[in-house]
Amino acid sequence: MGLLNLLIKDPLTFVLLAIPLLYSIILHELAHGWVADRMGDPTAKWQGRLTLNPLKHLDPIGTFMLFIVGFGWAKPVPVNFNNIQDTRKGLILVSSAGIIANMLLAFVAFFLFQLLSPTPGGVLATLLYYLAQVNIMLAAFNLIPIPPLDGSKILMGFLSERLQYSLSRLEPYGFFVIIGLLYLGALDPLIAFFRWMILALIRILLP
């Protein structure tokens, strides 16, 4: 993503970009909690997570990863799917909400970037470009169907209860698996495919 290079070459732009990038992962989690609340689970609301206050959401390691490698995570918003009448629908919609939020942010950023196309070298254009790219990466990363990422819960919404249980048992070890696969480069083709899919959808929607 070049964020580390941006910090070295243009610290001012990096600092200006920090807040919208942090709020990209905050809005991702907030979307989960909001949709869960709308579907009957007020757990996130009760725990004070339906807020834009970054102190309620940020995970130090996830934030560090966001700026170093271009994707990261916040503290997961608590969701009790037992409070949602249609559990399968809840799994799919609540888990998709964060990804959709990032895709919408990327779309808006690209749309505004196009409006600035006569002067693409400005600071605002640079901010919009990185904001769009990071949100695409966040959405693509979360589509990976390995627990605890959103893609695994979307997948669970289509699986039998037995397969749901089998997949959920991986969750305590999921991030170790993901980090290992990322280190080996095994997830690169899947992330690239999801990025291509998201970009293709945005290009269809952009005027």
N, C-alpha and C. Protein backbone atom coordinates (compact mmCIF):
# COMPACT_ATOMS: atom_id res chain seq x y z
N MET A 1 0.81 -1.21 0.00
CA MET A 1 0.00 0.00 0.00
C MET A 1 0.85 1.26 0.00
N GLY A 2 2.12 1.16 0.37
CA GLY A 2 2.97 2.31 0.34
C GLY A 2 2.78 3.28 1.47
N LEU A 3 2.05 2.91 2.53
CA LEU A 3 1.82 3.83 3.63
C LEU A 3 3.10 4.12 4.40
N LEU A 4 3.95 3.12 4.55
CA LEU A 4 5.22 3.34 5.23
C LEU A 4 6.10 4.26 4.42
N ASN A 5 6.10 4.08 3.10
CA ASN A 5 6.86 4.98 2.23
C ASN A 5 6.31 6.40 2.30
N LEU A 6 4.98 6.51 2.41
CA LEU A 6 4.37 7.83 2.53
C LEU A 6 4.82 8.52 3.81
N LEU A 7 4.92 7.77 4.90
CA LEU A 7 5.38 8.33 6.18
C LEU A 7 6.79 8.88 6.04
N ILE A 8 7.64 8.17 5.30
CA ILE A 8 9.03 8.59 5.13
C ILE A 8 9.14 9.79 4.19
N LYS A 9 8.39 9.72 3.07
CA LYS A 9 8.53 10.76 2.04
C LYS A 9 7.69 12.00 2.30
N ASP A 10 6.53 11.81 2.92
CA ASP A 10 5.61 12.94 3.09
C ASP A 10 4.90 12.81 4.44
N PRO A 11 5.60 13.08 5.54
CA PRO A 11 5.01 12.90 6.88
C PRO A 11 3.73 13.69 7.09
N LEU A 12 3.64 14.91 6.51
CA LEU A 12 2.45 15.73 6.70
C LEU A 12 1.22 15.05 6.12
N THR A 13 1.33 14.53 4.90
CA THR A 13 0.21 13.84 4.28
C THR A 13 -0.16 12.59 5.08
N PHE A 14 0.87 11.90 5.58
CA PHE A 14 0.61 10.70 6.39
C PHE A 14 -0.18 11.05 7.64
N VAL A 15 0.20 12.15 8.30
CA VAL A 15 -0.51 12.57 9.52
C VAL A 15 -1.94 12.96 9.19
N LEU A 16 -2.13 13.68 8.08
CA LEU A 16 -3.48 14.06 7.66
C LEU A 16 -4.33 12.85 7.32
N LEU A 17 -3.68 11.80 6.84
CA LEU A 17 -4.38 10.59 6.44
C LEU A 17 -4.73 9.70 7.64
N ALA A 18 -4.03 9.88 8.76
CA ALA A 18 -4.17 8.97 9.90
C ALA A 18 -5.61 8.89 10.40
N ILE A 19 -6.25 10.04 10.56
CA ILE A 19 -7.60 10.04 11.13
C ILE A 19 -8.61 9.34 10.22
N PRO A 20 -8.69 9.67 8.90
CA PRO A 20 -9.66 8.94 8.06
C PRO A 20 -9.36 7.44 7.97
N LEU A 21 -8.08 7.06 8.03
CA LEU A 21 -7.76 5.63 7.99
C LEU A 21 -8.22 4.93 9.26
N LEU A 22 -7.97 5.55 10.40
CA LEU A 22 -8.40 4.96 11.66
C LEU A 22 -9.92 4.84 11.70
N TYR A 23 -10.60 5.85 11.19
CA TYR A 23 -12.06 5.79 11.19
C TYR A 23 -12.60 4.79 10.17
N SER A 24 -11.79 4.38 9.21
CA SER A 24 -12.21 3.34 8.29
C SER A 24 -12.43 2.02 9.04
N ILE A 25 -11.51 1.69 9.97
CA ILE A 25 -11.70 0.45 10.71
C ILE A 25 -12.74 0.63 11.82
N ILE A 26 -12.87 1.85 12.34
CA ILE A 26 -13.90 2.11 13.35
C ILE A 26 -15.29 1.97 12.72
N LEU A 27 -15.48 2.56 11.54
CA LEU A 27 -16.78 2.46 10.87
C LEU A 27 -17.09 1.04 10.45
N HIS A 28 -16.06 0.27 10.15
CA HIS A 28 -16.24 -1.15 9.85
C HIS A 28 -16.90 -1.86 11.03
N GLU A 29 -16.36 -1.65 12.23
CA GLU A 29 -16.91 -2.30 13.42
C GLU A 29 -18.26 -1.70 13.81
N LEU A 30 -18.39 -0.40 13.67
CA LEU A 30 -19.64 0.26 14.00
C LEU A 30 -20.79 -0.27 13.13
N ALA A 31 -20.49 -0.55 11.86
CA ALA A 31 -21.50 -1.10 10.95
C ALA A 31 -22.00 -2.45 11.44
N HIS A 32 -21.08 -3.30 11.92
CA HIS A 32 -21.50 -4.59 12.48
C HIS A 32 -22.50 -4.38 13.62
N GLY A 33 -22.13 -3.52 14.56
CA GLY A 33 -22.97 -3.30 15.73
C GLY A 33 -24.31 -2.68 15.38
N TRP A 34 -24.31 -1.75 14.43
CA TRP A 34 -25.55 -1.08 14.04
C TRP A 34 -26.53 -2.06 13.40
N VAL A 35 -26.03 -2.89 12.49
CA VAL A 35 -26.91 -3.86 11.83
C VAL A 35 -27.40 -4.90 12.84
N ALA A 36 -26.53 -5.34 13.73
CA ALA A 36 -26.95 -6.30 14.76
C ALA A 36 -28.06 -5.69 15.63
N ASP A 37 -27.90 -4.42 15.99
CA ASP A 37 -28.91 -3.75 16.81
C ASP A 37 -30.23 -3.66 16.06
N ARG A 38 -30.16 -3.35 14.77
CA ARG A 38 -31.38 -3.26 13.96
C ARG A 38 -32.07 -4.61 13.82
N MET A 39 -31.28 -5.69 13.92
CA MET A 39 -31.85 -7.03 13.77
C MET A 39 -32.25 -7.65 15.11
N GLY A 40 -32.10 -6.90 16.21
CA GLY A 40 -32.61 -7.38 17.49
C GLY A 40 -31.58 -7.67 18.55
N ASP A 41 -30.29 -7.45 18.26
CA ASP A 41 -29.26 -7.70 19.27
C ASP A 41 -28.66 -6.38 19.74
N PRO A 42 -29.00 -5.93 20.96
CA PRO A 42 -28.50 -4.65 21.46
C PRO A 42 -27.18 -4.74 22.22
N THR A 43 -26.46 -5.88 22.10
CA THR A 43 -25.25 -6.08 22.89
C THR A 43 -24.23 -4.96 22.69
N ALA A 44 -23.98 -4.60 21.43
CA ALA A 44 -23.01 -3.54 21.14
C ALA A 44 -23.45 -2.22 21.74
N LYS A 45 -24.74 -1.93 21.67
CA LYS A 45 -25.26 -0.69 22.24
C LYS A 45 -25.07 -0.69 23.75
N TRP A 46 -25.39 -1.81 24.42
CA TRP A 46 -25.26 -1.90 25.87
C TRP A 46 -23.81 -1.72 26.32
N GLN A 47 -22.86 -2.16 25.49
CA GLN A 47 -21.45 -2.05 25.85
C GLN A 47 -20.80 -0.76 25.35
N GLY A 48 -21.63 0.15 24.86
CA GLY A 48 -21.11 1.45 24.44
C GLY A 48 -20.29 1.43 23.18
N ARG A 49 -20.53 0.46 22.30
CA ARG A 49 -19.73 0.33 21.08
C ARG A 49 -20.36 1.01 19.87
N LEU A 50 -21.60 1.49 19.99
CA LEU A 50 -22.20 2.21 18.87
C LEU A 50 -21.83 3.69 18.98
N THR A 51 -20.55 3.94 18.87
CA THR A 51 -20.01 5.28 19.03
C THR A 51 -18.82 5.46 18.09
N LEU A 52 -18.54 6.72 17.75
CA LEU A 52 -17.38 7.04 16.92
C LEU A 52 -16.14 7.33 17.76
N ASN A 53 -16.25 7.18 19.07
CA ASN A 53 -15.11 7.39 19.96
C ASN A 53 -14.05 6.32 19.68
N PRO A 54 -12.87 6.70 19.16
CA PRO A 54 -11.86 5.69 18.79
C PRO A 54 -11.37 4.86 19.96
N LEU A 55 -11.40 5.41 21.17
CA LEU A 55 -10.92 4.67 22.34
C LEU A 55 -11.76 3.43 22.63
N LYS A 56 -12.99 3.43 22.13
CA LYS A 56 -13.88 2.28 22.33
C LYS A 56 -13.62 1.15 21.33
N HIS A 57 -12.86 1.45 20.28
CA HIS A 57 -12.75 0.50 19.18
C HIS A 57 -11.33 0.04 18.85
N LEU A 58 -10.34 0.92 19.02
CA LEU A 58 -9.03 0.64 18.43
C LEU A 58 -8.29 -0.49 19.15
N ASP A 59 -7.67 -1.33 18.34
CA ASP A 59 -6.79 -2.40 18.82
C ASP A 59 -5.37 -1.99 18.45
N PRO A 60 -4.45 -1.92 19.41
CA PRO A 60 -3.10 -1.41 19.10
C PRO A 60 -2.41 -2.17 17.98
N ILE A 61 -2.46 -3.49 18.00
CA ILE A 61 -1.79 -4.28 16.96
C ILE A 61 -2.47 -4.09 15.62
N GLY A 62 -3.81 -4.10 15.62
CA GLY A 62 -4.54 -3.92 14.37
C GLY A 62 -4.29 -2.57 13.75
N THR A 63 -4.18 -1.53 14.59
CA THR A 63 -3.89 -0.18 14.09
C THR A 63 -2.47 -0.12 13.51
N PHE A 64 -1.53 -0.74 14.21
CA PHE A 64 -0.14 -0.79 13.72
C PHE A 64 -0.08 -1.48 12.36
N MET A 65 -0.79 -2.61 12.23
CA MET A 65 -0.80 -3.36 10.97
C MET A 65 -1.40 -2.52 9.85
N LEU A 66 -2.43 -1.73 10.17
CA LEU A 66 -3.07 -0.90 9.15
C LEU A 66 -2.07 0.02 8.48
N PHE A 67 -1.21 0.65 9.26
CA PHE A 67 -0.29 1.63 8.71
C PHE A 67 0.98 1.00 8.14
N ILE A 68 1.30 -0.21 8.57
CA ILE A 68 2.52 -0.86 8.06
C ILE A 68 2.25 -1.65 6.79
N VAL A 69 1.17 -2.44 6.78
CA VAL A 69 0.92 -3.31 5.62
C VAL A 69 -0.35 -2.97 4.86
N GLY A 70 -1.15 -2.00 5.35
CA GLY A 70 -2.30 -1.54 4.57
C GLY A 70 -3.62 -2.14 4.98
N PHE A 71 -3.63 -3.08 5.91
CA PHE A 71 -4.90 -3.57 6.45
C PHE A 71 -4.72 -3.84 7.93
N GLY A 72 -5.81 -3.73 8.66
CA GLY A 72 -5.73 -3.94 10.10
C GLY A 72 -7.08 -4.27 10.65
N TRP A 73 -7.24 -4.11 11.95
CA TRP A 73 -8.52 -4.45 12.57
C TRP A 73 -8.70 -3.64 13.85
N ALA A 74 -9.93 -3.54 14.28
CA ALA A 74 -10.26 -2.92 15.56
C ALA A 74 -10.73 -4.03 16.50
N LYS A 75 -11.05 -3.65 17.75
CA LYS A 75 -11.63 -4.63 18.66
C LYS A 75 -12.97 -5.08 18.08
N PRO A 76 -13.20 -6.38 17.97
CA PRO A 76 -14.48 -6.84 17.41
C PRO A 76 -15.66 -6.34 18.22
N VAL A 77 -16.68 -5.88 17.54
CA VAL A 77 -17.92 -5.49 18.21
C VAL A 77 -18.64 -6.75 18.68
N PRO A 78 -19.06 -6.80 19.95
CA PRO A 78 -19.73 -8.01 20.45
C PRO A 78 -21.12 -8.16 19.83
N VAL A 79 -21.38 -9.35 19.33
CA VAL A 79 -22.69 -9.67 18.75
C VAL A 79 -23.16 -11.00 19.33
N ASN A 80 -24.37 -11.03 19.83
CA ASN A 80 -24.99 -12.26 20.33
C ASN A 80 -26.05 -12.68 19.32
N PHE A 81 -25.69 -13.63 18.48
CA PHE A 81 -26.61 -14.03 17.42
C PHE A 81 -27.84 -14.76 17.96
N ASN A 82 -27.81 -15.17 19.22
CA ASN A 82 -28.99 -15.78 19.82
C ASN A 82 -30.13 -14.78 19.97
N ASN A 83 -29.79 -13.48 19.96
CA ASN A 83 -30.81 -12.45 20.05
C ASN A 83 -31.45 -12.12 18.71
N ILE A 84 -30.90 -12.69 17.64
CA ILE A 84 -31.42 -12.43 16.30
C ILE A 84 -32.30 -13.60 15.87
N GLN A 85 -33.51 -13.29 15.48
CA GLN A 85 -34.49 -14.34 15.21
C GLN A 85 -34.04 -15.29 14.11
N ASP A 86 -33.59 -14.75 13.00
CA ASP A 86 -33.09 -15.57 11.89
C ASP A 86 -31.57 -15.56 11.96
N THR A 87 -31.01 -16.61 12.58
CA THR A 87 -29.56 -16.64 12.83
C THR A 87 -28.75 -16.63 11.53
N ARG A 88 -29.19 -17.39 10.55
CA ARG A 88 -28.46 -17.45 9.28
C ARG A 88 -28.43 -16.08 8.60
N LYS A 89 -29.59 -15.44 8.54
CA LYS A 89 -29.66 -14.12 7.95
C LYS A 89 -28.81 -13.13 8.75
N GLY A 90 -28.84 -13.29 10.07
CA GLY A 90 -28.04 -12.42 10.92
C GLY A 90 -26.56 -12.58 10.66
N LEU A 91 -26.10 -13.83 10.56
CA LEU A 91 -24.69 -14.09 10.28
C LEU A 91 -24.25 -13.40 8.99
N ILE A 92 -25.07 -13.53 7.96
CA ILE A 92 -24.71 -12.98 6.65
C ILE A 92 -24.74 -11.46 6.66
N LEU A 93 -25.83 -10.88 7.16
CA LEU A 93 -25.99 -9.43 7.09
C LEU A 93 -25.08 -8.68 8.06
N VAL A 94 -25.01 -9.17 9.30
CA VAL A 94 -24.15 -8.49 10.29
C VAL A 94 -22.69 -8.58 9.87
N SER A 95 -22.27 -9.74 9.40
CA SER A 95 -20.87 -9.94 9.00
C SER A 95 -20.53 -9.18 7.73
N SER A 96 -21.51 -9.01 6.85
CA SER A 96 -21.28 -8.26 5.60
C SER A 96 -21.22 -6.76 5.83
N ALA A 97 -21.82 -6.30 6.93
CA ALA A 97 -21.99 -4.86 7.13
C ALA A 97 -20.67 -4.10 7.13
N GLY A 98 -19.67 -4.62 7.83
CA GLY A 98 -18.39 -3.94 7.88
C GLY A 98 -17.71 -3.87 6.52
N ILE A 99 -17.79 -4.96 5.78
CA ILE A 99 -17.21 -5.01 4.44
C ILE A 99 -17.90 -4.00 3.53
N ILE A 100 -19.23 -3.95 3.60
CA ILE A 100 -19.98 -3.01 2.78
C ILE A 100 -19.63 -1.57 3.16
N ALA A 101 -19.46 -1.31 4.46
CA ALA A 101 -19.07 0.03 4.90
C ALA A 101 -17.75 0.45 4.27
N ASN A 102 -16.76 -0.46 4.25
CA ASN A 102 -15.47 -0.14 3.64
C ASN A 102 -15.59 0.06 2.14
N MET A 103 -16.43 -0.73 1.49
CA MET A 103 -16.63 -0.58 0.05
C MET A 103 -17.29 0.76 -0.27
N LEU A 104 -18.25 1.17 0.57
CA LEU A 104 -18.89 2.47 0.36
C LEU A 104 -17.90 3.62 0.54
N LEU A 105 -17.04 3.52 1.56
CA LEU A 105 -16.01 4.54 1.78
C LEU A 105 -15.06 4.60 0.59
N ALA A 106 -14.68 3.44 0.06
CA ALA A 106 -13.80 3.41 -1.11
C ALA A 106 -14.48 4.04 -2.32
N PHE A 107 -15.77 3.74 -2.50
CA PHE A 107 -16.52 4.31 -3.62
C PHE A 107 -16.56 5.83 -3.53
N VAL A 108 -16.88 6.37 -2.34
CA VAL A 108 -16.96 7.82 -2.15
C VAL A 108 -15.59 8.45 -2.39
N ALA A 109 -14.53 7.81 -1.88
CA ALA A 109 -13.18 8.35 -2.06
C ALA A 109 -12.80 8.39 -3.54
N PHE A 110 -13.09 7.32 -4.28
CA PHE A 110 -12.78 7.29 -5.71
C PHE A 110 -13.61 8.32 -6.47
N PHE A 111 -14.88 8.47 -6.07
CA PHE A 111 -15.75 9.44 -6.73
C PHE A 111 -15.20 10.85 -6.56
N LEU A 112 -14.82 11.19 -5.34
CA LEU A 112 -14.25 12.52 -5.08
C LEU A 112 -12.90 12.68 -5.77
N PHE A 113 -12.12 11.58 -5.83
CA PHE A 113 -10.83 11.62 -6.52
C PHE A 113 -11.03 11.95 -8.00
N GLN A 114 -12.07 11.36 -8.61
CA GLN A 114 -12.35 11.67 -10.01
C GLN A 114 -12.70 13.14 -10.21
N LEU A 115 -13.42 13.71 -9.27
CA LEU A 115 -13.78 15.12 -9.38
C LEU A 115 -12.55 16.02 -9.35
N LEU A 116 -11.47 15.52 -8.71
CA LEU A 116 -10.24 16.30 -8.61
C LEU A 116 -9.25 15.94 -9.72
N SER A 117 -9.69 15.15 -10.69
CA SER A 117 -8.77 14.64 -11.72
C SER A 117 -8.01 15.71 -12.48
N PRO A 118 -8.54 16.93 -12.66
CA PRO A 118 -7.70 17.95 -13.32
C PRO A 118 -6.47 18.34 -12.51
N THR A 119 -6.52 18.14 -11.17
CA THR A 119 -5.36 18.46 -10.33
C THR A 119 -5.02 17.27 -9.44
N PRO A 120 -4.56 16.15 -10.06
CA PRO A 120 -4.37 14.91 -9.32
C PRO A 120 -3.19 14.92 -8.36
N GLY A 121 -2.34 15.92 -8.40
CA GLY A 121 -1.14 15.90 -7.57
C GLY A 121 -1.30 16.55 -6.22
N GLY A 122 -2.49 17.06 -5.90
CA GLY A 122 -2.67 17.76 -4.64
C GLY A 122 -2.73 16.84 -3.45
N VAL A 123 -2.64 17.45 -2.26
CA VAL A 123 -2.68 16.68 -1.01
C VAL A 123 -4.01 15.97 -0.86
N LEU A 124 -5.12 16.67 -1.17
CA LEU A 124 -6.44 16.06 -1.02
C LEU A 124 -6.60 14.86 -1.92
N ALA A 125 -6.11 14.97 -3.16
CA ALA A 125 -6.19 13.83 -4.08
C ALA A 125 -5.40 12.65 -3.56
N THR A 126 -4.22 12.92 -2.98
CA THR A 126 -3.41 11.84 -2.40
C THR A 126 -4.14 11.17 -1.25
N LEU A 127 -4.76 11.98 -0.39
CA LEU A 127 -5.51 11.43 0.73
C LEU A 127 -6.65 10.54 0.25
N LEU A 128 -7.39 11.02 -0.74
CA LEU A 128 -8.52 10.25 -1.27
C LEU A 128 -8.05 8.94 -1.90
N TYR A 129 -6.93 8.99 -2.61
CA TYR A 129 -6.40 7.78 -3.25
C TYR A 129 -6.06 6.73 -2.20
N TYR A 130 -5.31 7.11 -1.17
CA TYR A 130 -4.93 6.15 -0.14
C TYR A 130 -6.14 5.68 0.66
N LEU A 131 -7.08 6.58 0.91
CA LEU A 131 -8.29 6.21 1.63
C LEU A 131 -9.06 5.14 0.86
N ALA A 132 -9.18 5.32 -0.45
CA ALA A 132 -9.88 4.33 -1.27
C ALA A 132 -9.14 3.00 -1.27
N GLN A 133 -7.83 3.04 -1.47
CA GLN A 133 -7.05 1.81 -1.55
C GLN A 133 -7.07 1.04 -0.23
N VAL A 134 -6.96 1.75 0.89
CA VAL A 134 -6.95 1.06 2.18
C VAL A 134 -8.31 0.44 2.47
N ASN A 135 -9.38 1.13 2.13
CA ASN A 135 -10.71 0.56 2.37
C ASN A 135 -10.97 -0.65 1.47
N ILE A 136 -10.45 -0.62 0.27
CA ILE A 136 -10.57 -1.81 -0.59
C ILE A 136 -9.81 -2.97 0.02
N MET A 137 -8.59 -2.69 0.54
CA MET A 137 -7.81 -3.74 1.16
C MET A 137 -8.49 -4.28 2.42
N LEU A 138 -9.06 -3.39 3.22
CA LEU A 138 -9.77 -3.82 4.41
C LEU A 138 -10.94 -4.74 4.06
N ALA A 139 -11.70 -4.35 3.04
CA ALA A 139 -12.83 -5.17 2.61
C ALA A 139 -12.36 -6.52 2.08
N ALA A 140 -11.31 -6.49 1.24
CA ALA A 140 -10.79 -7.74 0.67
C ALA A 140 -10.24 -8.66 1.75
N PHE A 141 -9.49 -8.10 2.69
CA PHE A 141 -8.91 -8.90 3.77
C PHE A 141 -10.00 -9.56 4.60
N ASN A 142 -11.06 -8.81 4.90
CA ASN A 142 -12.12 -9.36 5.74
C ASN A 142 -13.00 -10.36 5.02
N LEU A 143 -12.92 -10.41 3.71
CA LEU A 143 -13.67 -11.42 2.96
C LEU A 143 -13.04 -12.81 3.03
N ILE A 144 -11.80 -12.90 3.52
CA ILE A 144 -11.13 -14.20 3.63
C ILE A 144 -11.96 -15.10 4.56
N PRO A 145 -12.33 -16.29 4.12
CA PRO A 145 -13.23 -17.15 4.91
C PRO A 145 -12.52 -17.97 5.99
N ILE A 146 -11.68 -17.31 6.78
CA ILE A 146 -11.00 -17.97 7.89
C ILE A 146 -11.40 -17.24 9.17
N PRO A 147 -11.89 -17.98 10.18
CA PRO A 147 -12.26 -17.31 11.45
C PRO A 147 -11.05 -16.60 12.04
N PRO A 148 -11.24 -15.46 12.67
CA PRO A 148 -12.51 -14.80 12.99
C PRO A 148 -12.93 -13.74 11.98
N LEU A 149 -12.38 -13.76 10.78
CA LEU A 149 -12.69 -12.73 9.79
C LEU A 149 -14.14 -12.84 9.32
N ASP A 150 -14.66 -11.73 8.82
CA ASP A 150 -16.07 -11.67 8.45
C ASP A 150 -16.44 -12.69 7.39
N GLY A 151 -15.51 -12.96 6.48
CA GLY A 151 -15.79 -13.92 5.42
C GLY A 151 -16.19 -15.28 5.95
N SER A 152 -15.61 -15.69 7.07
CA SER A 152 -15.94 -17.00 7.64
C SER A 152 -17.37 -17.02 8.18
N LYS A 153 -17.80 -15.90 8.76
CA LYS A 153 -19.17 -15.84 9.31
C LYS A 153 -20.20 -15.73 8.20
N ILE A 154 -19.85 -15.02 7.12
CA ILE A 154 -20.75 -15.00 5.95
C ILE A 154 -20.91 -16.42 5.42
N LEU A 155 -19.79 -17.12 5.32
CA LEU A 155 -19.83 -18.51 4.86
C LEU A 155 -20.67 -19.37 5.78
N MET A 156 -20.54 -19.17 7.10
CA MET A 156 -21.32 -19.96 8.05
C MET A 156 -22.82 -19.82 7.82
N GLY A 157 -23.24 -18.65 7.35
CA GLY A 157 -24.66 -18.43 7.10
C GLY A 157 -25.23 -19.34 6.03
N PHE A 158 -24.34 -19.95 5.24
CA PHE A 158 -24.79 -20.84 4.17
C PHE A 158 -24.49 -22.31 4.47
N LEU A 159 -23.83 -22.58 5.59
CA LEU A 159 -23.42 -23.95 5.92
C LEU A 159 -24.40 -24.61 6.87
N SER A 160 -24.31 -25.94 6.93
CA SER A 160 -25.09 -26.69 7.91
C SER A 160 -24.56 -26.40 9.31
N GLU A 161 -25.35 -26.72 10.33
CA GLU A 161 -24.93 -26.47 11.71
C GLU A 161 -23.65 -27.23 12.05
N ARG A 162 -23.52 -28.43 11.51
CA ARG A 162 -22.31 -29.23 11.79
C ARG A 162 -21.08 -28.56 11.22
N LEU A 163 -21.18 -28.05 9.99
CA LEU A 163 -20.04 -27.38 9.37
C LEU A 163 -19.78 -26.01 10.03
N GLN A 164 -20.85 -25.36 10.47
CA GLN A 164 -20.66 -24.11 11.21
C GLN A 164 -19.83 -24.36 12.47
N TYR A 165 -20.17 -25.42 13.17
CA TYR A 165 -19.47 -25.74 14.40
C TYR A 165 -18.00 -26.06 14.12
N SER A 166 -17.76 -26.83 13.06
CA SER A 166 -16.38 -27.20 12.70
C SER A 166 -15.56 -25.96 12.38
N LEU A 167 -16.14 -25.03 11.63
CA LEU A 167 -15.42 -23.82 11.25
C LEU A 167 -15.20 -22.92 12.46
N SER A 168 -16.20 -22.83 13.34
CA SER A 168 -16.07 -21.96 14.51
C SER A 168 -14.98 -22.44 15.47
N ARG A 169 -14.68 -23.73 15.46
CA ARG A 169 -13.64 -24.27 16.34
C ARG A 169 -12.25 -23.77 15.96
N LEU A 170 -12.11 -23.25 14.74
CA LEU A 170 -10.81 -22.71 14.30
C LEU A 170 -10.57 -21.30 14.85
N GLU A 171 -11.62 -20.66 15.37
CA GLU A 171 -11.51 -19.24 15.70
C GLU A 171 -10.41 -18.91 16.70
N PRO A 172 -10.19 -19.69 17.76
CA PRO A 172 -9.12 -19.34 18.71
C PRO A 172 -7.73 -19.32 18.07
N TYR A 173 -7.58 -20.05 16.96
CA TYR A 173 -6.26 -20.15 16.31
C TYR A 173 -6.23 -19.39 14.98
N GLY A 174 -7.37 -18.76 14.65
CA GLY A 174 -7.51 -18.18 13.31
C GLY A 174 -6.47 -17.16 12.95
N PHE A 175 -6.18 -16.22 13.85
CA PHE A 175 -5.24 -15.18 13.50
C PHE A 175 -3.83 -15.73 13.33
N PHE A 176 -3.48 -16.75 14.09
CA PHE A 176 -2.16 -17.38 13.91
C PHE A 176 -2.08 -18.03 12.53
N VAL A 177 -3.18 -18.67 12.13
CA VAL A 177 -3.24 -19.28 10.80
C VAL A 177 -3.13 -18.21 9.72
N ILE A 178 -3.88 -17.11 9.90
CA ILE A 178 -3.89 -16.03 8.91
C ILE A 178 -2.51 -15.40 8.79
N ILE A 179 -1.88 -15.10 9.93
CA ILE A 179 -0.55 -14.48 9.90
C ILE A 179 0.46 -15.41 9.23
N GLY A 180 0.37 -16.70 9.54
CA GLY A 180 1.26 -17.67 8.91
C GLY A 180 1.07 -17.73 7.41
N LEU A 181 -0.18 -17.76 6.97
CA LEU A 181 -0.47 -17.82 5.54
C LEU A 181 -0.06 -16.53 4.83
N LEU A 182 -0.24 -15.40 5.52
CA LEU A 182 0.21 -14.13 4.94
C LEU A 182 1.72 -14.10 4.79
N TYR A 183 2.42 -14.60 5.80
CA TYR A 183 3.88 -14.64 5.75
C TYR A 183 4.36 -15.50 4.59
N LEU A 184 3.67 -16.61 4.35
CA LEU A 184 4.04 -17.51 3.25
C LEU A 184 3.55 -17.03 1.89
N GLY A 185 2.71 -16.00 1.89
CA GLY A 185 2.17 -15.49 0.63
C GLY A 185 1.01 -16.31 0.09
N ALA A 186 0.51 -17.25 0.90
CA ALA A 186 -0.53 -18.15 0.42
C ALA A 186 -1.87 -17.45 0.21
N LEU A 187 -2.08 -16.34 0.92
CA LEU A 187 -3.36 -15.63 0.79
C LEU A 187 -3.32 -14.54 -0.26
N ASP A 188 -2.15 -14.26 -0.81
CA ASP A 188 -2.03 -13.16 -1.78
C ASP A 188 -2.96 -13.31 -2.98
N PRO A 189 -3.05 -14.51 -3.60
CA PRO A 189 -3.96 -14.63 -4.75
C PRO A 189 -5.42 -14.40 -4.37
N LEU A 190 -5.84 -14.86 -3.18
CA LEU A 190 -7.23 -14.69 -2.76
C LEU A 190 -7.52 -13.21 -2.49
N ILE A 191 -6.61 -12.53 -1.80
CA ILE A 191 -6.80 -11.10 -1.54
C ILE A 191 -6.83 -10.33 -2.85
N ALA A 192 -5.94 -10.68 -3.78
CA ALA A 192 -5.90 -10.01 -5.08
C ALA A 192 -7.22 -10.21 -5.84
N PHE A 193 -7.78 -11.42 -5.74
CA PHE A 193 -9.06 -11.69 -6.40
C PHE A 193 -10.17 -10.85 -5.79
N PHE A 194 -10.22 -10.77 -4.46
CA PHE A 194 -11.26 -9.97 -3.81
C PHE A 194 -11.09 -8.49 -4.14
N ARG A 195 -9.84 -8.01 -4.20
CA ARG A 195 -9.59 -6.61 -4.56
C ARG A 195 -10.07 -6.34 -5.98
N TRP A 196 -9.78 -7.26 -6.89
CA TRP A 196 -10.23 -7.11 -8.27
C TRP A 196 -11.75 -7.08 -8.34
N MET A 197 -12.41 -7.95 -7.59
CA MET A 197 -13.87 -8.03 -7.59
C MET A 197 -14.48 -6.73 -7.07
N ILE A 198 -13.92 -6.18 -5.98
CA ILE A 198 -14.43 -4.94 -5.40
C ILE A 198 -14.20 -3.77 -6.36
N LEU A 199 -13.00 -3.70 -6.93
CA LEU A 199 -12.70 -2.63 -7.88
C LEU A 199 -13.61 -2.69 -9.11
N ALA A 200 -13.89 -3.91 -9.57
CA ALA A 200 -14.77 -4.07 -10.73
C ALA A 200 -16.17 -3.54 -10.41
N LEU A 201 -16.65 -3.83 -9.21
CA LEU A 201 -17.98 -3.35 -8.80
C LEU A 201 -17.99 -1.82 -8.70
N ILE A 202 -16.93 -1.24 -8.13
CA ILE A 202 -16.86 0.22 -8.01
C ILE A 202 -16.81 0.87 -9.38
N ARG A 203 -16.07 0.27 -10.31
CA ARG A 203 -15.98 0.85 -11.66
C ARG A 203 -17.34 0.82 -12.36
N ILE A 204 -18.13 -0.22 -12.09
CA ILE A 204 -19.47 -0.28 -12.68
C ILE A 204 -20.35 0.85 -12.16
N LEU A 205 -20.20 1.14 -10.85
CA LEU A 205 -21.07 2.13 -10.20
C LEU A 205 -20.61 3.57 -10.44
N LEU A 206 -19.33 3.76 -10.67
CA LEU A 206 -18.82 5.13 -10.88
C LEU A 206 -19.29 5.66 -12.24
N PRO A 207 -19.69 6.95 -12.28
CA PRO A 207 -20.14 7.53 -13.57
C PRO A 207 -18.97 7.67 -14.53
